[in-house]
Protein backbone atom coordinates (compact mmCIF):
# COMPACT_ATOMS: atom_id res chain seq x y z
CA MET A 1 83.85 120.07 68.56
CA ASN A 2 84.26 116.38 67.90
CA SER A 3 87.91 115.75 67.10
CA SER A 4 87.10 112.24 65.88
CA GLU A 5 85.41 113.79 62.86
CA LEU A 6 88.62 115.45 61.66
CA THR A 7 89.64 113.82 58.39
CA THR A 8 91.88 114.32 55.37
CA ALA A 9 89.33 112.58 53.14
CA VAL A 10 87.75 115.95 52.38
CA TRP A 11 90.73 116.76 50.15
CA GLU A 12 89.78 113.94 47.77
CA LEU A 13 87.36 115.94 45.65
CA ASP A 14 86.24 114.95 42.16
CA GLU A 15 84.92 117.87 40.15
CA ASP A 16 83.04 115.41 37.93
CA GLU A 17 80.71 114.85 40.88
CA PHE A 18 79.43 118.42 40.63
CA PRO A 19 75.60 118.17 40.50
CA SER A 20 75.18 120.14 37.29
CA ASP A 21 71.56 119.02 37.00
CA GLY A 22 70.79 119.60 40.67
CA SER A 23 69.15 122.57 42.32
CA ILE A 24 71.17 125.72 42.88
CA GLN A 25 71.17 124.87 46.58
CA GLU A 26 72.74 121.48 45.87
CA ARG A 27 75.34 123.08 43.64
CA ALA A 28 76.09 125.77 46.22
CA ARG A 29 76.70 123.09 48.84
CA PHE A 30 79.12 121.32 46.50
CA LEU A 31 81.09 124.56 46.13
CA LEU A 32 81.44 124.74 49.90
CA ARG A 33 83.36 121.48 49.84
CA TYR A 34 86.18 123.58 48.36
CA ALA A 35 85.66 126.45 50.80
CA ILE A 36 86.46 124.27 53.83
CA LEU A 37 89.90 123.45 52.41
CA ALA A 38 91.04 127.00 53.19
CA PRO A 39 93.87 127.60 55.67
CA SER A 40 93.10 129.00 59.12
CA SER A 41 95.02 129.94 62.25
CA HIS A 42 95.90 126.75 64.23
CA ASN A 43 93.71 125.01 61.61
CA SER A 44 90.78 126.09 63.78
CA GLN A 45 88.42 126.35 60.79
CA PRO A 46 86.27 129.04 62.45
CA TRP A 47 83.49 129.09 59.87
CA ARG A 48 79.87 128.10 59.52
CA PHE A 49 77.73 128.32 56.41
CA ALA A 50 74.03 128.56 55.69
CA VAL A 51 72.68 128.03 52.17
CA ARG A 52 69.34 129.11 50.84
CA ASP A 53 69.04 128.69 47.09
CA GLY A 54 72.02 130.60 45.65
CA ARG A 55 72.61 132.71 48.76
CA ILE A 56 75.47 131.53 50.97
CA ARG A 57 75.86 133.20 54.35
CA ILE A 58 79.20 132.91 56.10
CA PHE A 59 79.32 133.07 59.90
CA ALA A 60 82.16 133.20 62.39
CA ASP A 61 82.13 130.25 64.77
CA ASP A 62 83.19 131.74 68.09
CA ALA A 63 83.60 128.25 69.54
CA ARG A 64 86.71 128.04 67.34
CA TRP A 65 87.98 131.54 68.08
CA LEU A 66 91.50 131.67 69.53
CA GLU A 67 90.62 134.00 72.38
CA VAL A 68 94.18 134.28 73.72
CA ALA A 69 96.29 134.37 70.55
CA ASP A 70 93.72 136.25 68.48
CA HIS A 71 92.22 138.64 71.00
CA ASP A 72 90.75 141.01 68.38
CA LYS A 73 89.58 138.29 65.92
CA ARG A 74 91.93 139.50 63.18
CA GLU A 75 93.10 135.97 62.37
CA LEU A 76 89.57 134.59 62.56
CA GLN A 77 88.41 137.14 60.00
CA ILE A 78 91.41 136.51 57.73
CA SER A 79 90.62 132.78 57.90
CA LEU A 80 87.03 133.47 56.84
CA GLY A 81 88.37 135.50 53.93
CA CYS A 82 90.44 132.51 52.79
CA ALA A 83 87.32 130.31 52.81
CA ILE A 84 85.35 132.93 50.86
CA GLU A 85 88.10 133.11 48.24
CA ASN A 86 88.04 129.33 47.78
CA LEU A 87 84.26 129.49 47.41
CA CYS A 88 84.47 132.21 44.75
CA ILE A 89 87.18 130.42 42.78
CA ALA A 90 85.10 127.24 42.76
CA ALA A 91 81.98 129.21 41.77
CA GLU A 92 83.73 130.72 38.76
CA HIS A 93 85.09 127.32 37.73
CA PHE A 94 81.61 125.82 37.67
CA GLY A 95 80.11 128.68 35.70
CA PHE A 96 78.71 130.97 38.38
CA GLY A 97 79.05 134.68 38.84
CA TYR A 98 78.82 136.00 42.37
CA ARG A 99 78.37 139.08 44.53
CA ILE A 100 79.96 139.48 47.95
CA GLU A 101 78.41 141.58 50.70
CA TYR A 102 80.57 142.28 53.74
CA ASN A 103 78.92 142.93 57.08
CA ASP A 104 80.08 144.27 60.42
CA ALA A 105 78.60 141.17 61.99
CA GLY A 106 76.99 141.44 65.38
CA ASP A 107 76.10 138.47 67.52
CA GLY A 108 74.62 135.74 65.36
CA ALA A 109 74.80 137.75 62.14
CA PRO A 110 76.70 136.61 59.03
CA ILE A 111 80.05 138.25 58.49
CA ALA A 112 79.58 138.04 54.71
CA THR A 113 77.10 136.79 52.14
CA VAL A 114 78.00 135.37 48.73
CA THR A 115 75.12 135.40 46.24
CA LEU A 116 75.53 133.19 43.18
CA HIS A 117 74.05 134.01 39.81
CA SER A 118 74.04 132.29 36.45
CA ASP A 119 76.24 134.84 34.68
CA GLY A 120 79.55 133.04 34.84
CA THR A 121 81.57 135.71 33.04
CA PRO A 122 85.13 135.39 34.42
CA SER A 123 86.03 138.21 36.79
CA ASN A 124 89.61 138.44 35.46
CA ILE A 125 90.89 139.23 38.95
CA ARG A 126 92.88 136.03 39.30
CA PRO A 127 95.74 134.33 37.46
CA PRO A 128 94.64 131.18 35.60
CA GLY A 129 94.91 127.73 37.12
CA LEU A 130 93.97 128.52 40.71
CA PHE A 131 91.04 126.08 40.86
CA ASP A 132 93.35 123.08 40.41
CA GLN A 133 95.38 124.28 43.40
CA LEU A 134 92.43 124.25 45.79
CA THR A 135 93.13 120.58 46.52
CA GLU A 136 96.93 120.88 46.19
CA ARG A 137 97.86 123.92 48.30
CA TYR A 138 99.52 123.27 51.64
CA THR A 139 101.38 125.19 54.33
CA SER A 140 105.07 124.40 54.72
CA HIS A 141 106.93 124.75 58.02
CA ASP A 142 110.25 123.73 56.44
CA LEU A 143 113.39 125.80 56.12
CA PHE A 144 113.27 127.03 52.55
CA GLU A 145 116.02 126.53 49.99
CA GLU A 146 118.46 129.35 49.31
CA ARG A 147 116.88 130.06 45.94
CA SER A 148 115.34 133.39 44.99
CA LEU A 149 111.93 133.75 43.39
CA PRO A 150 112.15 134.73 39.72
CA GLN A 151 110.79 138.12 38.71
CA SER A 152 108.00 136.45 36.73
CA THR A 153 106.72 134.71 39.86
CA ARG A 154 106.87 137.89 41.92
CA ASP A 155 104.92 139.68 39.19
CA ILE A 156 102.22 136.98 39.31
CA LEU A 157 101.96 137.38 43.08
CA ARG A 158 101.59 141.14 42.80
CA GLN A 159 98.88 140.69 40.16
CA CYS A 160 96.82 138.75 42.71
CA VAL A 161 96.13 141.96 44.62
CA VAL A 162 93.22 143.77 42.95
CA GLU A 163 91.39 145.14 45.98
CA ASP A 164 91.82 148.92 46.30
CA ASP A 165 92.28 148.81 50.07
CA VAL A 166 94.76 145.91 50.30
CA SER A 167 98.45 146.13 49.41
CA LEU A 168 101.29 143.61 49.26
CA HIS A 169 104.86 144.22 50.40
CA LEU A 170 107.44 141.69 49.18
CA ILE A 171 110.44 141.92 51.50
CA GLU A 172 113.75 140.58 50.19
CA ASP A 173 116.31 142.85 51.85
CA SER A 174 118.46 140.79 54.21
CA ASP A 175 118.68 143.55 56.85
CA GLN A 176 114.90 143.91 56.92
CA LYS A 177 114.46 140.15 57.19
CA ARG A 178 116.99 139.98 60.01
CA SER A 179 115.17 142.74 61.90
CA ILE A 180 111.82 141.03 61.39
CA GLY A 181 113.41 137.77 62.55
CA GLU A 182 114.46 139.50 65.78
CA LEU A 183 110.93 140.81 66.17
CA GLN A 184 109.62 137.28 65.65
CA ALA A 185 111.94 135.95 68.35
CA ALA A 186 110.75 138.58 70.81
CA ALA A 187 107.10 137.83 70.02
CA ASP A 188 107.65 134.09 70.44
CA LEU A 189 109.23 134.61 73.85
CA ARG A 190 106.31 136.76 74.99
CA GLN A 191 103.69 134.34 73.69
CA MET A 192 105.24 131.18 75.07
CA ASP A 193 105.74 132.84 78.45
CA ASP A 194 101.93 133.10 78.69
CA ARG A 195 100.53 129.90 80.20
CA GLU A 196 97.06 130.62 78.80
CA TYR A 197 98.53 130.93 75.31
CA ARG A 198 100.32 127.60 75.73
CA LYS A 199 97.15 125.99 77.03
CA GLU A 200 95.21 127.22 73.99
CA LEU A 201 97.89 126.08 71.55
CA GLY A 202 98.09 122.75 73.36
CA TYR A 203 94.36 122.21 72.97
CA TRP A 204 94.52 122.48 69.17
CA LEU A 205 97.59 120.26 69.07
CA GLY A 206 95.91 117.72 71.31
CA ILE A 207 92.76 117.29 69.24
CA GLY A 208 94.88 116.59 66.16
CA ALA A 209 93.97 119.74 64.24
CA LEU A 210 97.58 120.19 63.08
CA GLY A 211 97.67 116.73 61.59
CA GLN A 212 99.74 114.75 64.08
CA PRO A 213 98.82 111.13 64.91
CA TRP A 214 96.75 110.73 68.09
CA LEU A 215 99.57 109.76 70.46
CA MET A 216 101.99 112.40 69.17
CA ALA A 217 99.25 115.02 69.35
CA ARG A 218 98.60 114.25 73.02
CA ILE A 219 102.31 114.25 73.84
CA SER A 220 102.73 117.59 72.07
CA GLN A 221 99.79 119.01 74.02
CA ALA A 222 101.29 117.92 77.33
CA VAL A 223 104.74 119.31 76.51
CA VAL A 224 103.54 122.67 75.15
CA THR A 225 101.14 123.21 78.04
CA ALA A 226 103.61 122.33 80.77
CA PHE A 227 106.85 123.86 79.51
CA ASP A 228 107.87 127.27 78.24
CA LEU A 229 109.49 126.45 74.92
CA GLY A 230 109.97 130.08 74.00
CA ASP A 231 113.75 129.88 73.55
CA ARG A 232 113.47 126.99 71.10
CA GLU A 233 110.53 128.49 69.20
CA SER A 234 112.11 131.91 68.96
CA ARG A 235 115.35 130.49 67.53
CA ASN A 236 113.60 128.26 65.02
CA ASN A 237 111.07 130.79 63.80
CA SER A 238 113.60 133.60 63.60
CA LYS A 239 115.77 131.40 61.39
CA LEU A 240 112.79 130.53 59.18
CA ILE A 241 112.17 134.23 58.58
CA ARG A 242 115.80 135.23 58.04
CA ASN A 243 116.42 132.43 55.53
CA ALA A 244 113.21 132.85 53.51
CA PRO A 245 113.88 134.15 50.00
CA VAL A 246 110.90 136.49 50.34
CA LEU A 247 108.58 137.62 53.11
CA GLY A 248 105.11 138.75 52.15
CA LEU A 249 103.17 141.29 54.20
CA LEU A 250 99.57 142.22 53.44
CA VAL A 251 98.43 145.59 54.73
CA THR A 252 95.08 147.37 54.59
CA GLU A 253 93.96 150.99 54.74
CA THR A 254 91.62 150.29 57.66
CA ASP A 255 91.40 147.66 60.39
CA ASP A 256 87.71 146.77 60.22
CA PRO A 257 86.33 143.23 59.66
CA ALA A 258 85.72 143.77 55.92
CA ALA A 259 89.34 144.86 55.39
CA ARG A 260 90.61 141.80 57.23
CA ILE A 261 88.33 139.48 55.26
CA LYS A 262 89.62 140.98 52.00
CA ALA A 263 93.19 140.50 53.22
CA GLY A 264 92.33 136.84 53.77
CA GLN A 265 90.94 136.57 50.25
CA VAL A 266 94.11 138.09 48.84
CA TYR A 267 96.32 135.80 50.90
CA GLU A 268 94.54 132.68 49.70
CA ARG A 269 94.73 133.91 46.10
CA LEU A 270 98.47 134.48 46.57
CA ALA A 271 98.96 131.08 48.22
CA LEU A 272 97.19 129.30 45.38
CA ALA A 273 99.14 131.24 42.75
CA ALA A 274 102.35 130.43 44.60
CA SER A 275 101.39 126.75 44.69
CA ALA A 276 100.76 126.83 40.94
CA ASN A 277 104.34 128.05 40.53
CA SER A 278 105.84 125.45 42.93
CA VAL A 279 106.35 128.03 45.67
CA ALA A 280 105.47 127.13 49.26
CA THR A 281 103.85 129.50 51.74
CA HIS A 282 103.87 129.72 55.54
CA PRO A 283 101.97 132.34 57.61
CA MET A 284 103.87 133.71 60.63
CA SER A 285 101.32 135.20 62.99
CA GLN A 286 103.07 135.67 66.33
CA ILE A 287 104.32 139.21 65.65
CA LEU A 288 100.84 140.35 64.67
CA GLU A 289 99.34 138.75 67.78
CA ARG A 290 101.23 141.24 69.95
CA PRO A 291 99.87 144.80 69.42
CA GLU A 292 103.18 146.48 70.18
CA LYS A 293 105.07 144.14 67.84
CA ARG A 294 102.49 144.69 65.11
CA ASP A 295 103.28 148.41 65.18
CA GLU A 296 107.01 147.68 65.07
CA LEU A 297 106.52 145.42 62.06
CA GLY A 298 104.72 148.22 60.23
CA ALA A 299 107.64 150.55 60.91
CA LEU A 300 110.22 147.97 59.77
CA ALA A 301 108.30 147.24 56.56
CA GLU A 302 107.69 150.95 55.97
CA THR A 303 103.94 150.53 55.57
CA GLY A 304 103.12 154.14 56.46
CA ASP A 305 99.55 154.56 57.67
CA ASP A 306 98.50 151.14 56.37
CA VAL A 307 97.74 148.42 58.91
CA PRO A 308 99.76 145.16 58.87
CA GLN A 309 97.37 142.19 58.65
CA HIS A 310 99.19 139.06 57.52
CA LEU A 311 102.88 138.07 57.41
CA PHE A 312 104.04 134.98 55.56
CA ARG A 313 107.12 133.30 54.08
CA LEU A 314 107.55 132.37 50.43
CA GLY A 315 110.11 129.91 49.12
CA TYR A 316 111.02 126.51 47.75
CA THR A 317 111.15 123.15 49.48
CA ASP A 318 111.41 119.54 48.34
CA GLU A 319 110.10 118.20 51.64
CA PRO A 320 106.78 116.36 51.20
CA THR A 321 103.94 117.83 53.22
CA ASP A 322 100.64 116.16 53.97
CA HIS A 323 97.37 118.04 54.13
CA THR A 324 96.02 118.91 57.56
CA PRO A 325 92.63 117.42 58.41
CA ARG A 326 89.29 119.21 58.21
CA TRP A 327 85.90 118.81 59.77
CA PRO A 328 83.50 117.60 57.04
CA LEU A 329 81.18 120.13 55.47
CA GLU A 330 78.16 118.63 57.21
CA THR A 331 79.54 119.68 60.62
CA VAL A 332 79.80 123.36 59.66
CA LEU A 333 76.68 123.63 57.47
CA SER A 334 73.75 125.15 59.30
CA THR A 335 70.23 123.83 58.86
CA GLN A 336 68.67 127.25 59.47
CA PRO A 337 66.74 128.71 56.50
């Protein structure tokens, strides 16, 4: 990976540049410029794409897999789901219908394939206005304001979940949030006590993937790698969870790659709908990165037999947040037929 290619210029998209008179392959590639704006764990952007006519194959890039934090590739697959959701939203906006095929990808095989077709009949699975948020959505690490989400906003978020095997829990009870905050603190302590975890986190900080200037990124890498900052991280993140107006938890009926990808699609849909309603989002992954804590989270959230996949905060903030950089499309677009 060439960190010098990371750029925020990819966010400056002009829909008027869509090649409406171009080939379907040219139009498909334009849609992927929106796909790469999706969120991903550590902003690792673990995707590759191959386009042939109107058939877009999505691959996992194992070179960007967080082998320590994400041992079972759950976060990688959720990240791919977010990119697929962006792609589908852009496709609908520009008049395409689409079909998604999910695969239990083996080595070198696509994890999903999106096939475009000319029938652009709206799917009616999404609230209106999500396309405009593709270039506006951001992740906030701020402490949210003590302001509850109105019922109308919570209803919109619930309407984003249309997949039969994905469910959303909105957690507002202060005792539940406090318990989850304690679980977060314990997970942070365990993670930051692992030197290999800190080394992996430091790498992504150091290359500038999280948006820091070069010098600050290198300093952050050195500090995180050398020192166990678990006490500080556990206090800060626990407070972020306790003070959030709402915690969101996506769960699935199974724990296979397709279920995780769908959870990622739902999360991105929720994040875009939240953005359209001036609500910030912030994934909190540490609990789910520890298998024993993941089970405890399911018990605390009363998910039954469903599998916890993605925990995130929802709330309001006035703090300005810049977009994190991305590798340009050309670096993740395969030339294979």
